[in-house]
Structure formats: C-alpha cells, structure tokens
Amino acid sequence: MITGELKNKIDSLWDIFASSGLVNPLEVIEQIRYLMFIHDLDDSDNTRAKESAMLGLPYQSADRMYSVIQEWVFPFIKTLHSDKNSAYSKYMDDAIFKLPTPLVLSKVVGDL
C-alpha cells in the first residue's frame, strides 16, 4: 500500500526527473531501476571497504559519483553478466545513463 509519505517521495522524484527534461515514465522507471541496482553495488562496496579497513588491507572506492557512474558503472553493468544470452545481458546491453547533470543525480540519489 502506498502511504502518504511514500507517495510524496515518489512525487518528489518525479519532479526532479521532469524538471531535468526526463518525462517519459518508462525512462524514469528505467533510470530509477538502474540507480537502485547501483545502490546495491554501493552497499557491497561499502561493506568491502569496511572489511578492508578492519583487516588493514588497501581498498579504493569512487568519490566522484556522476563521472564514475557515467564513465565506469554503466559500462560495467552493461557487461556484468558473461552469458550474453541471459535475460540480464539482453536487458542491460542497451542501458543508457540519461541523468543530465551531477546535481540531478545527487537529488535523485538523496531521495532514493
């Protein structure tokens, strides 16, 4: 069930996308889905960073969110699955990062 608080968050996200020119609902949902996947990767990255720190091992993580997502993460997730016939590969093969600016990305990630 969608509560008032959840509906407000969804409306806020929609406003961010719409104000940046992304108004196609399918594209908005697609971008949110990509970002949720990336969020899971970020959680995993944070866990590895904490484990490395605890063990005293070197670990590098990305700090420049927008350029990293645009230049590294999207190309990475497009080729993540080695089986080119899998549903994942077929869907992600044409993944395109469409958020126009770092500010829009920051707002969307903050709201997610």
PDB file of N, CA and C in Angstrom:
ATOM      1  N   MET A   1       0.842  -1.182   0.000  1.00  0.00           N
ATOM      2  CA  MET A   1       0.000   0.000   0.000  1.00  0.00           C
ATOM      3  C   MET A   1       0.885   1.242   0.000  1.00  0.00           C
ATOM      4  N   ILE A   2       0.524   2.210  -0.793  1.00  0.00           N
ATOM      5  CA  ILE A   2       1.301   3.439  -0.876  1.00  0.00           C
ATOM      6  C   ILE A   2       0.777   4.423   0.158  1.00  0.00           C
ATOM      7  N   THR A   3       1.650   4.753   1.113  1.00  0.00           N
ATOM      8  CA  THR A   3       1.282   5.705   2.158  1.00  0.00           C
ATOM      9  C   THR A   3       1.498   7.126   1.651  1.00  0.00           C
ATOM     10  N   GLY A   4       1.031   8.087   2.409  1.00  0.00           N
ATOM     11  CA  GLY A   4       1.223   9.483   2.041  1.00  0.00           C
ATOM     12  C   GLY A   4       2.689   9.845   1.941  1.00  0.00           C
ATOM     13  N   GLU A   5       3.494   9.337   2.869  1.00  0.00           N
ATOM     14  CA  GLU A   5       4.931   9.634   2.867  1.00  0.00           C
ATOM     15  C   GLU A   5       5.607   9.051   1.629  1.00  0.00           C
ATOM     16  N   LEU A   6       5.292   7.803   1.300  1.00  0.00           N
ATOM     17  CA  LEU A   6       5.879   7.173   0.122  1.00  0.00           C
ATOM     18  C   LEU A   6       5.428   7.880  -1.147  1.00  0.00           C
ATOM     19  N   LYS A   7       4.148   8.238  -1.214  1.00  0.00           N
ATOM     20  CA  LYS A   7       3.640   8.948  -2.386  1.00  0.00           C
ATOM     21  C   LYS A   7       4.358  10.290  -2.547  1.00  0.00           C
ATOM     22  N   ASN A   8       4.606  10.981  -1.445  1.00  0.00           N
ATOM     23  CA  ASN A   8       5.321  12.255  -1.510  1.00  0.00           C
ATOM     24  C   ASN A   8       6.748  12.067  -2.027  1.00  0.00           C
ATOM     25  N   LYS A   9       7.406  10.995  -1.607  1.00  0.00           N
ATOM     26  CA  LYS A   9       8.763  10.729  -2.085  1.00  0.00           C
ATOM     27  C   LYS A   9       8.761  10.425  -3.576  1.00  0.00           C
ATOM     28  N   ILE A  10       7.797   9.634  -4.019  1.00  0.00           N
ATOM     29  CA  ILE A  10       7.695   9.301  -5.441  1.00  0.00           C
ATOM     30  C   ILE A  10       7.409  10.563  -6.254  1.00  0.00           C
ATOM     31  N   ASP A  11       6.499  11.392  -5.770  1.00  0.00           N
ATOM     32  CA  ASP A  11       6.190  12.653  -6.459  1.00  0.00           C
ATOM     33  C   ASP A  11       7.419  13.552  -6.529  1.00  0.00           C
ATOM     34  N   SER A  12       8.185  13.585  -5.447  1.00  0.00           N
ATOM     35  CA  SER A  12       9.399  14.402  -5.418  1.00  0.00           C
ATOM     36  C   SER A  12      10.405  13.910  -6.453  1.00  0.00           C
ATOM     37  N   LEU A  13      10.590  12.584  -6.523  1.00  0.00           N
ATOM     38  CA  LEU A  13      11.490  12.019  -7.532  1.00  0.00           C
ATOM     39  C   LEU A  13      11.000  12.374  -8.938  1.00  0.00           C
ATOM     40  N   TRP A  14       9.708  12.213  -9.159  1.00  0.00           N
ATOM     41  CA  TRP A  14       9.152  12.523 -10.471  1.00  0.00           C
ATOM     42  C   TRP A  14       9.416  13.980 -10.836  1.00  0.00           C
ATOM     43  N   ASP A  15       9.256  14.889  -9.870  1.00  0.00           N
ATOM     44  CA  ASP A  15       9.505  16.315 -10.122  1.00  0.00           C
ATOM     45  C   ASP A  15      10.959  16.564 -10.509  1.00  0.00           C
ATOM     46  N   ILE A  16      11.885  15.871  -9.848  1.00  0.00           N
ATOM     47  CA  ILE A  16      13.303  16.034 -10.174  1.00  0.00           C
ATOM     48  C   ILE A  16      13.562  15.604 -11.612  1.00  0.00           C
ATOM     49  N   PHE A  17      13.049  14.435 -11.971  1.00  0.00           N
ATOM     50  CA  PHE A  17      13.236  13.957 -13.336  1.00  0.00           C
ATOM     51  C   PHE A  17      12.578  14.896 -14.337  1.00  0.00           C
ATOM     52  N   ALA A  18      11.343  15.291 -14.070  1.00  0.00           N
ATOM     53  CA  ALA A  18      10.605  16.141 -15.001  1.00  0.00           C
ATOM     54  C   ALA A  18      11.296  17.487 -15.194  1.00  0.00           C
ATOM     55  N   SER A  19      11.808  18.061 -14.123  1.00  0.00           N
ATOM     56  CA  SER A  19      12.457  19.366 -14.237  1.00  0.00           C
ATOM     57  C   SER A  19      13.771  19.291 -15.009  1.00  0.00           C
ATOM     58  N   SER A  20      14.324  18.078 -15.139  1.00  0.00           N
ATOM     59  CA  SER A  20      15.551  17.926 -15.919  1.00  0.00           C
ATOM     60  C   SER A  20      15.267  17.484 -17.355  1.00  0.00           C
ATOM     61  N   GLY A  21      13.973  17.355 -17.702  1.00  0.00           N
ATOM     62  CA  GLY A  21      13.607  17.016 -19.064  1.00  0.00           C
ATOM     63  C   GLY A  21      13.279  15.550 -19.291  1.00  0.00           C
ATOM     64  N   LEU A  22      13.401  14.719 -18.264  1.00  0.00           N
ATOM     65  CA  LEU A  22      13.049  13.301 -18.407  1.00  0.00           C
ATOM     66  C   LEU A  22      11.603  13.126 -17.973  1.00  0.00           C
ATOM     67  N   VAL A  23      10.698  13.036 -18.938  1.00  0.00           N
ATOM     68  CA  VAL A  23       9.275  12.958 -18.616  1.00  0.00           C
ATOM     69  C   VAL A  23       8.624  11.653 -19.063  1.00  0.00           C
ATOM     70  N   ASN A  24       9.326  10.851 -19.839  1.00  0.00           N
ATOM     71  CA  ASN A  24       8.782   9.568 -20.281  1.00  0.00           C
ATOM     72  C   ASN A  24       8.778   8.615 -19.071  1.00  0.00           C
ATOM     73  N   PRO A  25       7.605   8.167 -18.633  1.00  0.00           N
ATOM     74  CA  PRO A  25       7.534   7.314 -17.443  1.00  0.00           C
ATOM     75  C   PRO A  25       8.404   6.061 -17.532  1.00  0.00           C
ATOM     76  N   LEU A  26       8.485   5.462 -18.702  1.00  0.00           N
ATOM     77  CA  LEU A  26       9.319   4.260 -18.848  1.00  0.00           C
ATOM     78  C   LEU A  26      10.794   4.575 -18.658  1.00  0.00           C
ATOM     79  N   GLU A  27      11.239   5.722 -19.172  1.00  0.00           N
ATOM     80  CA  GLU A  27      12.636   6.117 -18.996  1.00  0.00           C
ATOM     81  C   GLU A  27      12.929   6.448 -17.535  1.00  0.00           C
ATOM     82  N   VAL A  28      11.985   7.109 -16.868  1.00  0.00           N
ATOM     83  CA  VAL A  28      12.169   7.444 -15.453  1.00  0.00           C
ATOM     84  C   VAL A  28      12.280   6.169 -14.628  1.00  0.00           C
ATOM     85  N   ILE A  29      11.370   5.237 -14.845  1.00  0.00           N
ATOM     86  CA  ILE A  29      11.399   3.976 -14.103  1.00  0.00           C
ATOM     87  C   ILE A  29      12.692   3.218 -14.412  1.00  0.00           C
ATOM     88  N   GLU A  30      13.101   3.233 -15.655  1.00  0.00           N
ATOM     89  CA  GLU A  30      14.338   2.569 -16.047  1.00  0.00           C
ATOM     90  C   GLU A  30      15.537   3.172 -15.319  1.00  0.00           C
ATOM     91  N   GLN A  31      15.611   4.496 -15.279  1.00  0.00           N
ATOM     92  CA  GLN A  31      16.716   5.157 -14.595  1.00  0.00           C
ATOM     93  C   GLN A  31      16.696   4.850 -13.097  1.00  0.00           C
ATOM     94  N   ILE A  32      15.520   4.858 -12.492  1.00  0.00           N
ATOM     95  CA  ILE A  32      15.407   4.525 -11.068  1.00  0.00           C
ATOM     96  C   ILE A  32      15.864   3.091 -10.831  1.00  0.00           C
ATOM     97  N   ARG A  33      15.471   2.196 -11.700  1.00  0.00           N
ATOM     98  CA  ARG A  33      15.870   0.790 -11.555  1.00  0.00           C
ATOM     99  C   ARG A  33      17.387   0.657 -11.645  1.00  0.00           C
ATOM    100  N   TYR A  34      18.018   1.342 -12.589  1.00  0.00           N
ATOM    101  CA  TYR A  34      19.476   1.317 -12.695  1.00  0.00           C
ATOM    102  C   TYR A  34      20.116   1.837 -11.409  1.00  0.00           C
ATOM    103  N   LEU A  35      19.577   2.948 -10.920  1.00  0.00           N
ATOM    104  CA  LEU A  35      20.154   3.547  -9.713  1.00  0.00           C
ATOM    105  C   LEU A  35      19.963   2.653  -8.489  1.00  0.00           C
ATOM    106  N   MET A  36      18.857   1.936  -8.428  1.00  0.00           N
ATOM    107  CA  MET A  36      18.659   1.003  -7.313  1.00  0.00           C
ATOM    108  C   MET A  36      19.671  -0.135  -7.393  1.00  0.00           C
ATOM    109  N   PHE A  37      19.956  -0.614  -8.592  1.00  0.00           N
ATOM    110  CA  PHE A  37      20.972  -1.639  -8.768  1.00  0.00           C
ATOM    111  C   PHE A  37      22.336  -1.093  -8.347  1.00  0.00           C
ATOM    112  N   ILE A  38      22.632   0.123  -8.777  1.00  0.00           N
ATOM    113  CA  ILE A  38      23.899   0.752  -8.423  1.00  0.00           C
ATOM    114  C   ILE A  38      23.980   0.955  -6.910  1.00  0.00           C
ATOM    115  N   HIS A  39      22.849   1.299  -6.290  1.00  0.00           N
ATOM    116  CA  HIS A  39      22.818   1.454  -4.831  1.00  0.00           C
ATOM    117  C   HIS A  39      23.222   0.158  -4.149  1.00  0.00           C
ATOM    118  N   ASP A  40      22.718  -0.962  -4.654  1.00  0.00           N
ATOM    119  CA  ASP A  40      23.109  -2.260  -4.098  1.00  0.00           C
ATOM    120  C   ASP A  40      24.600  -2.510  -4.281  1.00  0.00           C
ATOM    121  N   LEU A  41      25.146  -2.133  -5.442  1.00  0.00           N
ATOM    122  CA  LEU A  41      26.583  -2.257  -5.655  1.00  0.00           C
ATOM    123  C   LEU A  41      27.350  -1.371  -4.684  1.00  0.00           C
ATOM    124  N   ASP A  42      26.818  -0.179  -4.412  1.00  0.00           N
ATOM    125  CA  ASP A  42      27.458   0.737  -3.475  1.00  0.00           C
ATOM    126  C   ASP A  42      27.459   0.157  -2.061  1.00  0.00           C
ATOM    127  N   ASP A  43      26.351  -0.448  -1.654  1.00  0.00           N
ATOM    128  CA  ASP A  43      26.306  -1.107  -0.348  1.00  0.00           C
ATOM    129  C   ASP A  43      27.377  -2.180  -0.248  1.00  0.00           C
ATOM    130  N   SER A  44      27.502  -2.963  -1.299  1.00  0.00           N
ATOM    131  CA  SER A  44      28.520  -4.003  -1.340  1.00  0.00           C
ATOM    132  C   SER A  44      29.918  -3.398  -1.273  1.00  0.00           C
ATOM    133  N   ASP A  45      30.123  -2.298  -2.001  1.00  0.00           N
ATOM    134  CA  ASP A  45      31.403  -1.594  -1.989  1.00  0.00           C
ATOM    135  C   ASP A  45      31.726  -1.083  -0.591  1.00  0.00           C
ATOM    136  N   ASN A  46      30.733  -0.509   0.082  1.00  0.00           N
ATOM    137  CA  ASN A  46      30.943  -0.005   1.438  1.00  0.00           C
ATOM    138  C   ASN A  46      31.306  -1.126   2.405  1.00  0.00           C
ATOM    139  N   THR A  47      30.649  -2.268   2.252  1.00  0.00           N
ATOM    140  CA  THR A  47      30.954  -3.418   3.100  1.00  0.00           C
ATOM    141  C   THR A  47      32.397  -3.858   2.883  1.00  0.00           C
ATOM    142  N   ARG A  48      32.806  -3.948   1.623  1.00  0.00           N
ATOM    143  CA  ARG A  48      34.193  -4.345   1.326  1.00  0.00           C
ATOM    144  C   ARG A  48      35.189  -3.330   1.873  1.00  0.00           C
ATOM    145  N   ALA A  49      34.856  -2.041   1.776  1.00  0.00           N
ATOM    146  CA  ALA A  49      35.747  -1.005   2.299  1.00  0.00           C
ATOM    147  C   ALA A  49      35.901  -1.150   3.813  1.00  0.00           C
ATOM    148  N   LYS A  50      34.803  -1.410   4.523  1.00  0.00           N
ATOM    149  CA  LYS A  50      34.865  -1.586   5.974  1.00  0.00           C
ATOM    150  C   LYS A  50      35.675  -2.822   6.339  1.00  0.00           C
ATOM    151  N   GLU A  51      35.453  -3.911   5.600  1.00  0.00           N
ATOM    152  CA  GLU A  51      36.204  -5.134   5.862  1.00  0.00           C
ATOM    153  C   GLU A  51      37.689  -4.925   5.605  1.00  0.00           C
ATOM    154  N   SER A  52      38.032  -4.216   4.538  1.00  0.00           N
ATOM    155  CA  SER A  52      39.433  -3.938   4.237  1.00  0.00           C
ATOM    156  C   SER A  52      40.070  -3.090   5.318  1.00  0.00           C
ATOM    157  N   ALA A  53      39.332  -2.091   5.791  1.00  0.00           N
ATOM    158  CA  ALA A  53      39.857  -1.235   6.858  1.00  0.00           C
ATOM    159  C   ALA A  53      40.081  -2.046   8.130  1.00  0.00           C
ATOM    160  N   MET A  54      39.143  -2.936   8.438  1.00  0.00           N
ATOM    161  CA  MET A  54      39.256  -3.752   9.645  1.00  0.00           C
ATOM    162  C   MET A  54      40.464  -4.691   9.548  1.00  0.00           C
ATOM    163  N   LEU A  55      40.733  -5.189   8.358  1.00  0.00           N
ATOM    164  CA  LEU A  55      41.849  -6.108   8.161  1.00  0.00           C
ATOM    165  C   LEU A  55      43.157  -5.395   7.831  1.00  0.00           C
ATOM    166  N   GLY A  56      43.082  -4.078   7.679  1.00  0.00           N
ATOM    167  CA  GLY A  56      44.279  -3.301   7.362  1.00  0.00           C
ATOM    168  C   GLY A  56      44.748  -3.471   5.926  1.00  0.00           C
ATOM    169  N   LEU A  57      43.827  -3.829   5.038  1.00  0.00           N
ATOM    170  CA  LEU A  57      44.175  -4.020   3.637  1.00  0.00           C
ATOM    171  C   LEU A  57      43.814  -2.777   2.832  1.00  0.00           C
ATOM    172  N   PRO A  58      44.580  -2.480   1.781  1.00  0.00           N
ATOM    173  CA  PRO A  58      44.236  -1.307   0.956  1.00  0.00           C
ATOM    174  C   PRO A  58      42.953  -1.550   0.170  1.00  0.00           C
ATOM    175  N   TYR A  59      42.179  -0.492   0.006  1.00  0.00           N
ATOM    176  CA  TYR A  59      40.947  -0.583  -0.771  1.00  0.00           C
ATOM    177  C   TYR A  59      40.646   0.771  -1.370  1.00  0.00           C
ATOM    178  N   GLN A  60      40.265   0.790  -2.649  1.00  0.00           N
ATOM    179  CA  GLN A  60      39.937   2.054  -3.304  1.00  0.00           C
ATOM    180  C   GLN A  60      38.467   2.073  -3.680  1.00  0.00           C
ATOM    181  N   SER A  61      37.836   3.199  -3.439  1.00  0.00           N
ATOM    182  CA  SER A  61      36.429   3.376  -3.768  1.00  0.00           C
ATOM    183  C   SER A  61      36.266   4.705  -4.513  1.00  0.00           C
ATOM    184  N   ALA A  62      35.209   4.826  -5.310  1.00  0.00           N
ATOM    185  CA  ALA A  62      34.989   6.029  -6.126  1.00  0.00           C
ATOM    186  C   ALA A  62      34.359   7.144  -5.312  1.00  0.00           C
ATOM    187  N   ASP A  63      34.836   8.367  -5.489  1.00  0.00           N
ATOM    188  CA  ASP A  63      34.289   9.531  -4.792  1.00  0.00           C
ATOM    189  C   ASP A  63      33.498  10.457  -5.715  1.00  0.00           C
ATOM    190  N   ARG A  64      33.795  10.456  -6.980  1.00  0.00           N
ATOM    191  CA  ARG A  64      33.124  11.362  -7.917  1.00  0.00           C
ATOM    192  C   ARG A  64      31.948  10.652  -8.555  1.00  0.00           C
ATOM    193  N   MET A  65      30.815  10.739  -7.889  1.00  0.00           N
ATOM    194  CA  MET A  65      29.645   9.932  -8.233  1.00  0.00           C
ATOM    195  C   MET A  65      29.230  10.040  -9.704  1.00  0.00           C
ATOM    196  N   TYR A  66      29.013  11.216 -10.198  1.00  0.00           N
ATOM    197  CA  TYR A  66      28.464  11.360 -11.546  1.00  0.00           C
ATOM    198  C   TYR A  66      29.406  10.811 -12.609  1.00  0.00           C
ATOM    199  N   SER A  67      30.654  11.260 -12.596  1.00  0.00           N
ATOM    200  CA  SER A  67      31.574  10.799 -13.629  1.00  0.00           C
ATOM    201  C   SER A  67      31.853   9.308 -13.502  1.00  0.00           C
ATOM    202  N   VAL A  68      31.873   8.821 -12.280  1.00  0.00           N
ATOM    203  CA  VAL A  68      32.102   7.387 -12.076  1.00  0.00           C
ATOM    204  C   VAL A  68      30.938   6.587 -12.635  1.00  0.00           C
ATOM    205  N   ILE A  69      29.720   7.020 -12.345  1.00  0.00           N
ATOM    206  CA  ILE A  69      28.550   6.300 -12.864  1.00  0.00           C
ATOM    207  C   ILE A  69      28.515   6.368 -14.386  1.00  0.00           C
ATOM    208  N   GLN A  70      28.750   7.547 -14.917  1.00  0.00           N
ATOM    209  CA  GLN A  70      28.669   7.732 -16.363  1.00  0.00           C
ATOM    210  C   GLN A  70      29.789   6.996 -17.108  1.00  0.00           C
ATOM    211  N   GLU A  71      31.009   7.065 -16.590  1.00  0.00           N
ATOM    212  CA  GLU A  71      32.157   6.533 -17.314  1.00  0.00           C
ATOM    213  C   GLU A  71      32.516   5.095 -16.950  1.00  0.00           C
ATOM    214  N   TRP A  72      32.116   4.669 -15.747  1.00  0.00           N
ATOM    215  CA  TRP A  72      32.552   3.351 -15.295  1.00  0.00           C
ATOM    216  C   TRP A  72      31.402   2.408 -14.956  1.00  0.00           C
ATOM    217  N   VAL A  73      30.447   2.892 -14.144  1.00  0.00           N
ATOM    218  CA  VAL A  73      29.411   1.988 -13.639  1.00  0.00           C
ATOM    219  C   VAL A  73      28.497   1.508 -14.754  1.00  0.00           C
ATOM    220  N   PHE A  74      27.985   2.428 -15.569  1.00  0.00           N
ATOM    221  CA  PHE A  74      27.082   1.990 -16.637  1.00  0.00           C
ATOM    222  C   PHE A  74      27.786   1.063 -17.631  1.00  0.00           C
ATOM    223  N   PRO A  75      28.984   1.396 -18.094  1.00  0.00           N
ATOM    224  CA  PRO A  75      29.669   0.421 -18.954  1.00  0.00           C
ATOM    225  C   PRO A  75      29.896  -0.922 -18.237  1.00  0.00           C
ATOM    226  N   PHE A  76      30.174  -0.870 -16.942  1.00  0.00           N
ATOM    227  CA  PHE A  76      30.384  -2.104 -16.173  1.00  0.00           C
ATOM    228  C   PHE A  76      29.111  -2.939 -16.081  1.00  0.00           C
ATOM    229  N   ILE A  77      27.980  -2.312 -15.704  1.00  0.00           N
ATOM    230  CA  ILE A  77      26.757  -3.104 -15.533  1.00  0.00           C
ATOM    231  C   ILE A  77      26.240  -3.630 -16.874  1.00  0.00           C
ATOM    232  N   LYS A  78      26.613  -2.967 -17.959  1.00  0.00           N
ATOM    233  CA  LYS A  78      26.186  -3.457 -19.273  1.00  0.00           C
ATOM    234  C   LYS A  78      26.865  -4.778 -19.624  1.00  0.00           C
ATOM    235  N   THR A  79      28.038  -5.021 -19.059  1.00  0.00           N
ATOM    236  CA  THR A  79      28.802  -6.225 -19.394  1.00  0.00           C
ATOM    237  C   THR A  79      29.010  -7.135 -18.188  1.00  0.00           C
ATOM    238  N   LEU A  80      28.246  -6.942 -17.145  1.00  0.00           N
ATOM    239  CA  LEU A  80      28.455  -7.668 -15.895  1.00  0.00           C
ATOM    240  C   LEU A  80      28.253  -9.169 -16.032  1.00  0.00           C
ATOM    241  N   HIS A  81      27.261  -9.574 -16.770  1.00  0.00           N
ATOM    242  CA  HIS A  81      26.935 -10.996 -16.882  1.00  0.00           C
ATOM    243  C   HIS A  81      27.632 -11.566 -18.113  1.00  0.00           C
ATOM    244  N   SER A  82      28.395 -12.624 -17.929  1.00  0.00           N
ATOM    245  CA  SER A  82      29.168 -13.174 -19.047  1.00  0.00           C
ATOM    246  C   SER A  82      28.318 -13.939 -20.057  1.00  0.00           C
ATOM    247  N   ASP A  83      27.168 -14.435 -19.633  1.00  0.00           N
ATOM    248  CA  ASP A  83      26.289 -15.171 -20.550  1.00  0.00           C
ATOM    249  C   ASP A  83      25.486 -14.174 -21.379  1.00  0.00           C
ATOM    250  N   LYS A  84      25.900 -13.967 -22.616  1.00  0.00           N
ATOM    251  CA  LYS A  84      25.264 -12.964 -23.477  1.00  0.00           C
ATOM    252  C   LYS A  84      23.827 -13.317 -23.858  1.00  0.00           C
ATOM    253  N   ASN A  85      23.400 -14.538 -23.579  1.00  0.00           N
ATOM    254  CA  ASN A  85      22.032 -14.946 -23.885  1.00  0.00           C
ATOM    255  C   ASN A  85      21.107 -14.840 -22.681  1.00  0.00           C
ATOM    256  N   SER A  86      21.631 -14.400 -21.545  1.00  0.00           N
ATOM    257  CA  SER A  86      20.806 -14.311 -20.337  1.00  0.00           C
ATOM    258  C   SER A  86      19.851 -13.120 -20.432  1.00  0.00           C
ATOM    259  N   ALA A  87      18.800 -13.173 -19.652  1.00  0.00           N
ATOM    260  CA  ALA A  87      17.835 -12.063 -19.617  1.00  0.00           C
ATOM    261  C   ALA A  87      18.537 -10.794 -19.144  1.00  0.00           C
ATOM    262  N   TYR A  88      19.428 -10.921 -18.161  1.00  0.00           N
ATOM    263  CA  TYR A  88      20.160  -9.761 -17.654  1.00  0.00           C
ATOM    264  C   TYR A  88      20.947  -9.093 -18.784  1.00  0.00           C
ATOM    265  N   SER A  89      21.721  -9.875 -19.518  1.00  0.00           N
ATOM    266  CA  SER A  89      22.547  -9.326 -20.596  1.00  0.00           C
ATOM    267  C   SER A  89      21.699  -8.677 -21.681  1.00  0.00           C
ATOM    268  N   LYS A  90      20.599  -9.314 -22.015  1.00  0.00           N
ATOM    269  CA  LYS A  90      19.743  -8.755 -23.055  1.00  0.00           C
ATOM    270  C   LYS A  90      19.131  -7.423 -22.620  1.00  0.00           C
ATOM    271  N   TYR A  91      18.761  -7.318 -21.340  1.00  0.00           N
ATOM    272  CA  TYR A  91      18.144  -6.084 -20.851  1.00  0.00           C
ATOM    273  C   TYR A  91      19.177  -4.982 -20.655  1.00  0.00           C
ATOM    274  N   MET A  92      20.308  -5.321 -20.060  1.00  0.00           N
ATOM    275  CA  MET A  92      21.296  -4.308 -19.700  1.00  0.00           C
ATOM    276  C   MET A  92      22.194  -3.907 -20.864  1.00  0.00           C
ATOM    277  N   ASP A  93      22.203  -4.669 -21.931  1.00  0.00           N
ATOM    278  CA  ASP A  93      23.074  -4.381 -23.064  1.00  0.00           C
ATOM    279  C   ASP A  93      22.870  -2.971 -23.606  1.00  0.00           C
ATOM    280  N   ASP A  94      21.646  -2.478 -23.568  1.00  0.00           N
ATOM    281  CA  ASP A  94      21.370  -1.146 -24.110  1.00  0.00           C
ATOM    282  C   ASP A  94      21.116  -0.107 -23.015  1.00  0.00           C
ATOM    283  N   ALA A  95      21.612  -0.368 -21.801  1.00  0.00           N
ATOM    284  CA  ALA A  95      21.435   0.584 -20.695  1.00  0.00           C
ATOM    285  C   ALA A  95      22.147   1.898 -21.023  1.00  0.00           C
ATOM    286  N   ILE A  96      21.434   2.995 -20.840  1.00  0.00           N
ATOM    287  CA  ILE A  96      21.984   4.320 -21.112  1.00  0.00           C
ATOM    288  C   ILE A  96      21.744   5.197 -19.885  1.00  0.00           C
ATOM    289  N   PHE A  97      22.773   5.847 -19.420  1.00  0.00           N
ATOM    290  CA  PHE A  97      22.663   6.765 -18.289  1.00  0.00           C
ATOM    291  C   PHE A  97      22.165   8.100 -18.826  1.00  0.00           C
ATOM    292  N   LYS A  98      20.954   8.508 -18.437  1.00  0.00           N
ATOM    293  CA  LYS A  98      20.327   9.682 -19.032  1.00  0.00           C
ATOM    294  C   LYS A  98      20.219  10.892 -18.111  1.00  0.00           C
ATOM    295  N   LEU A  99      20.634  10.777 -16.868  1.00  0.00           N
ATOM    296  CA  LEU A  99      20.536  11.939 -15.993  1.00  0.00           C
ATOM    297  C   LEU A  99      21.503  13.006 -16.494  1.00  0.00           C
ATOM    298  N   PRO A 100      21.022  14.230 -16.705  1.00  0.00           N
ATOM    299  CA  PRO A 100      21.813  15.223 -17.423  1.00  0.00           C
ATOM    300  C   PRO A 100      22.934  15.900 -16.635  1.00  0.00           C
ATOM    301  N   THR A 101      22.816  15.973 -15.310  1.00  0.00           N
ATOM    302  CA  THR A 101      23.829  16.713 -14.540  1.00  0.00           C
ATOM    303  C   THR A 101      24.117  16.026 -13.214  1.00  0.00           C
ATOM    304  N   PRO A 102      25.272  16.328 -12.615  1.00  0.00           N
ATOM    305  CA  PRO A 102      25.570  15.796 -11.288  1.00  0.00           C
ATOM    306  C   PRO A 102      24.544  16.233 -10.239  1.00  0.00           C
ATOM    307  N   LEU A 103      24.012  17.441 -10.375  1.00  0.00           N
ATOM    308  CA  LEU A 103      23.020  17.923  -9.415  1.00  0.00           C
ATOM    309  C   LEU A 103      21.755  17.066  -9.456  1.00  0.00           C
ATOM    310  N   VAL A 104      21.284  16.734 -10.650  1.00  0.00           N
ATOM    311  CA  VAL A 104      20.095  15.883 -10.778  1.00  0.00           C
ATOM    312  C   VAL A 104      20.383  14.517 -10.164  1.00  0.00           C
ATOM    313  N   LEU A 105      21.539  13.950 -10.451  1.00  0.00           N
ATOM    314  CA  LEU A 105      21.908  12.655  -9.883  1.00  0.00           C
ATOM    315  C   LEU A 105      21.934  12.725  -8.360  1.00  0.00           C
ATOM    316  N   SER A 106      22.528  13.766  -7.827  1.00  0.00           N
ATOM    317  CA  SER A 106      22.617  13.922  -6.376  1.00  0.00           C
ATOM    318  C   SER A 106      21.232  14.016  -5.739  1.00  0.00           C
ATOM    319  N   LYS A 107      20.338  14.759  -6.356  1.00  0.00           N
ATOM    320  CA  LYS A 107      18.976  14.892  -5.826  1.00  0.00           C
ATOM    321  C   LYS A 107      18.239  13.555  -5.862  1.00  0.00           C
ATOM    322  N   VAL A 108      18.358  12.840  -6.980  1.00  0.00           N
ATOM    323  CA  VAL A 108      17.662  11.565  -7.118  1.00  0.00           C
ATOM    324  C   VAL A 108      18.208  10.560  -6.117  1.00  0.00           C
ATOM    325  N   VAL A 109      19.526  10.448  -6.011  1.00  0.00           N
ATOM    326  CA  VAL A 109      20.129   9.507  -5.076  1.00  0.00           C
ATOM    327  C   VAL A 109      19.749   9.862  -3.642  1.00  0.00           C
ATOM    328  N   GLY A 110      19.747  11.149  -3.328  1.00  0.00           N
ATOM    329  CA  GLY A 110      19.339  11.573  -1.985  1.00  0.00           C
ATOM    330  C   GLY A 110      17.912  11.185  -1.673  1.00  0.00           C
ATOM    331  N   ASP A 111      17.026  11.324  -2.647  1.00  0.00           N
ATOM    332  CA  ASP A 111      15.623  10.967  -2.420  1.00  0.00           C
ATOM    333  C   ASP A 111      15.405   9.459  -2.398  1.00  0.00           C
ATOM    334  N   LEU A 112      16.197   8.717  -3.176  1.00  0.00           N
ATOM    335  CA  LEU A 112      16.062   7.264  -3.166  1.00  0.00           C
ATOM    336  C   LEU A 112      16.505   6.712  -1.829  1.00  0.00           C
TER     337      LEU A 112
END
